Amino acid sequence: MLGSVAWAKVAKGGQTPLQGSEWKIVGPDPSSTELVVIDCVTADAAQCTGPDKDPAAGKFLVKELAWGKYSLIETAAPPGYVRNATEVEFTVGRPSGNDAMLAWNLGSIENVQRTGPVLPLTGGLGRDQIMIIGALMALLAVAGFGARRFRAQNS
């Protein structure tokens, strides 16, 4: 009997699944092979050719896992989100309380949304200072031209 594991990728505090995350499943111990899991998004589960057999965006189902201890690790977060560095461990095997199960549902794994850079305000004080300095320079130029012309006429 082989096992399976299911989970969903959601935004922190939300329930809407997020598309675009990538994962790896490491195990079973002691050989510890790595299985790369990329979100399968199709209309039909039969079109999912990789390890993820759930066609819904942000939802994952990996089947045919041999018995043993595994670690689930997010390798790439959905666009606009920070990668969740938490390793989730689970054991596929004969059901014994919360230690081992054949079919694991890890629930929702959350990602925090990445904050964008702070952009300066357009206009405002910075623009006003440049306009005032420019006007003062123009006024000084006109005054200097007038003083020069006045001296030329009176000499």
Protein backbone atom coordinates (compact mmCIF):
# COMPACT_ATOMS: atom_id res chain seq x y z
CA MET A 1 0.00 0.00 0.00
CA LEU A 2 1.36 3.37 -1.01
CA GLY A 3 0.53 6.69 0.61
CA SER A 4 -0.42 10.18 -0.49
CA VAL A 5 -0.16 13.76 0.73
CA ALA A 6 -2.35 16.78 -0.03
CA TRP A 7 -2.01 20.47 0.83
CA ALA A 8 -3.05 23.93 -0.39
CA LYS A 9 -1.08 27.16 -0.82
CA VAL A 10 -2.97 30.25 0.42
CA ALA A 11 -2.26 33.89 1.31
CA LYS A 12 -1.79 34.61 5.02
CA GLY A 13 -5.20 34.98 6.62
CA GLY A 14 -7.03 33.91 3.46
CA GLN A 15 -8.54 30.77 2.01
CA THR A 16 -8.14 31.44 -1.73
CA PRO A 17 -5.52 29.08 -3.22
CA LEU A 18 -2.45 30.72 -4.78
CA GLN A 19 -1.14 29.47 -8.11
CA GLY A 20 2.56 29.26 -8.99
CA SER A 21 4.40 27.77 -6.02
CA GLU A 22 7.01 25.01 -6.37
CA TRP A 23 7.96 22.38 -3.82
CA LYS A 24 10.19 19.44 -3.13
CA ILE A 25 9.41 16.35 -1.10
CA VAL A 26 12.50 14.80 0.49
CA GLY A 27 12.33 11.19 1.68
CA PRO A 28 11.69 8.55 2.60
CA ASP A 29 14.49 8.21 5.12
CA PRO A 30 17.21 6.88 4.97
CA SER A 31 17.65 7.15 1.16
CA SER A 32 16.11 10.65 1.03
CA THR A 33 15.43 11.24 -2.65
CA GLU A 34 13.99 14.56 -3.82
CA LEU A 35 10.70 14.78 -5.70
CA VAL A 36 10.13 18.17 -7.39
CA VAL A 37 6.46 19.22 -7.31
CA ILE A 38 5.17 21.99 -9.59
CA ASP A 39 1.56 23.19 -9.37
CA CYS A 40 -0.53 21.47 -12.05
CA VAL A 41 -3.28 23.77 -13.35
CA THR A 42 -5.51 22.10 -15.95
CA ALA A 43 -9.17 21.42 -16.57
CA ASP A 44 -8.77 17.67 -16.01
CA ALA A 45 -6.69 15.64 -13.53
CA ALA A 46 -5.76 13.22 -16.34
CA GLN A 47 -3.70 16.03 -17.92
CA CYS A 48 -1.48 16.35 -14.82
CA THR A 49 1.70 14.53 -15.89
CA GLY A 50 3.97 15.53 -12.98
CA PRO A 51 3.80 14.48 -9.33
CA ASP A 52 0.93 16.93 -8.55
CA LYS A 53 -2.32 15.19 -9.47
CA ASP A 54 -4.73 17.93 -8.32
CA PRO A 55 -5.65 20.10 -11.34
CA ALA A 56 -6.84 23.05 -9.21
CA ALA A 57 -4.57 26.09 -8.89
CA GLY A 58 -2.79 26.21 -5.54
CA LYS A 59 -3.91 22.73 -4.49
CA PHE A 60 -1.58 19.75 -4.45
CA LEU A 61 -1.99 15.96 -4.31
CA VAL A 62 1.00 13.64 -4.55
CA LYS A 63 0.24 9.92 -4.71
CA GLU A 64 2.24 6.69 -4.66
CA LEU A 65 4.58 7.59 -1.80
CA ALA A 66 6.49 4.69 -0.28
CA TRP A 67 6.34 4.21 3.46
CA GLY A 68 8.74 6.38 5.44
CA LYS A 69 9.39 9.82 6.86
CA TYR A 70 9.20 12.83 4.48
CA SER A 71 9.83 16.58 4.52
CA LEU A 72 7.82 19.01 2.40
CA ILE A 73 9.78 22.17 1.49
CA GLU A 74 8.61 25.16 -0.55
CA THR A 75 11.29 26.07 -3.11
CA ALA A 76 9.51 28.94 -4.92
CA ALA A 77 6.67 31.13 -3.68
CA PRO A 78 3.81 32.33 -5.87
CA PRO A 79 4.58 35.64 -7.64
CA GLY A 80 4.25 38.55 -5.21
CA TYR A 81 4.70 36.41 -2.09
CA VAL A 82 7.56 35.55 0.26
CA ARG A 83 8.67 31.89 0.33
CA ASN A 84 7.58 30.01 3.46
CA ALA A 85 10.78 28.44 4.83
CA THR A 86 8.97 26.10 7.25
CA GLU A 87 9.64 22.39 6.61
CA VAL A 88 6.57 20.23 7.11
CA GLU A 89 7.32 16.65 8.17
CA PHE A 90 5.00 13.70 7.75
CA THR A 91 5.30 9.93 7.89
CA VAL A 92 3.60 7.57 5.45
CA GLY A 93 2.90 4.21 7.02
CA ARG A 94 0.56 2.10 9.10
CA PRO A 95 -1.90 4.49 10.80
CA SER A 96 -0.88 5.09 14.42
CA GLY A 97 -2.45 8.22 15.86
CA ASN A 98 -0.88 11.40 14.49
CA ASP A 99 2.53 9.82 13.84
CA ALA A 100 1.85 7.93 10.61
CA MET A 101 -0.95 7.78 8.05
CA LEU A 102 -1.46 6.52 4.54
CA ALA A 103 -3.32 9.62 3.31
CA TRP A 104 -2.08 12.92 4.72
CA ASN A 105 -3.93 16.22 4.40
CA LEU A 106 -1.53 18.92 5.57
CA GLY A 107 -4.17 21.64 5.19
CA SER A 108 -3.36 25.17 4.10
CA ILE A 109 0.21 26.45 4.07
CA GLU A 110 0.32 30.25 4.16
CA ASN A 111 2.52 32.80 2.39
CA VAL A 112 2.99 36.44 3.37
CA GLN A 113 2.48 38.93 0.56
CA ARG A 114 5.64 40.78 -0.45
CA THR A 115 5.48 44.52 0.18
CA GLY A 116 6.42 46.75 -2.71
CA PRO A 117 9.04 49.49 -2.56
CA VAL A 118 8.04 52.89 -1.18
CA LEU A 119 7.86 55.37 -4.03
CA PRO A 120 8.37 59.10 -3.46
CA LEU A 121 5.41 61.38 -3.93
CA THR A 122 5.26 63.15 -7.25
CA GLY A 123 4.92 66.92 -7.07
CA GLY A 124 4.84 68.44 -3.60
CA LEU A 125 7.77 70.11 -1.83
CA GLY A 126 10.55 68.76 -4.05
CA ARG A 127 8.94 70.14 -7.18
CA ASP A 128 8.03 73.43 -5.50
CA GLN A 129 11.62 74.02 -4.39
CA ILE A 130 12.90 73.56 -7.92
CA MET A 131 10.26 75.98 -9.28
CA ILE A 132 11.09 78.64 -6.65
CA ILE A 133 14.85 78.36 -7.25
CA GLY A 134 14.29 78.58 -11.01
CA ALA A 135 12.08 81.67 -10.64
CA LEU A 136 14.66 83.35 -8.37
CA MET A 137 17.44 82.65 -10.88
CA ALA A 138 15.32 84.11 -13.70
CA LEU A 139 14.56 87.18 -11.56
CA LEU A 140 18.29 87.64 -10.79
CA ALA A 141 19.12 87.35 -14.48
CA VAL A 142 16.53 90.01 -15.41
CA ALA A 143 17.78 92.29 -12.58
CA GLY A 144 21.41 91.80 -13.67
CA PHE A 145 20.54 92.54 -17.30
CA GLY A 146 18.62 95.67 -16.23
CA ALA A 147 21.49 96.90 -14.02
CA ARG A 148 23.99 96.36 -16.83
CA ARG A 149 21.82 98.24 -19.30
CA PHE A 150 21.27 101.06 -16.79
CA ARG A 151 25.05 101.42 -16.27
CA ALA A 152 25.68 101.36 -20.01
CA GLN A 153 23.17 104.18 -20.61
CA ASN A 154 24.43 106.34 -17.73
CA SER A 155 28.11 106.14 -18.46
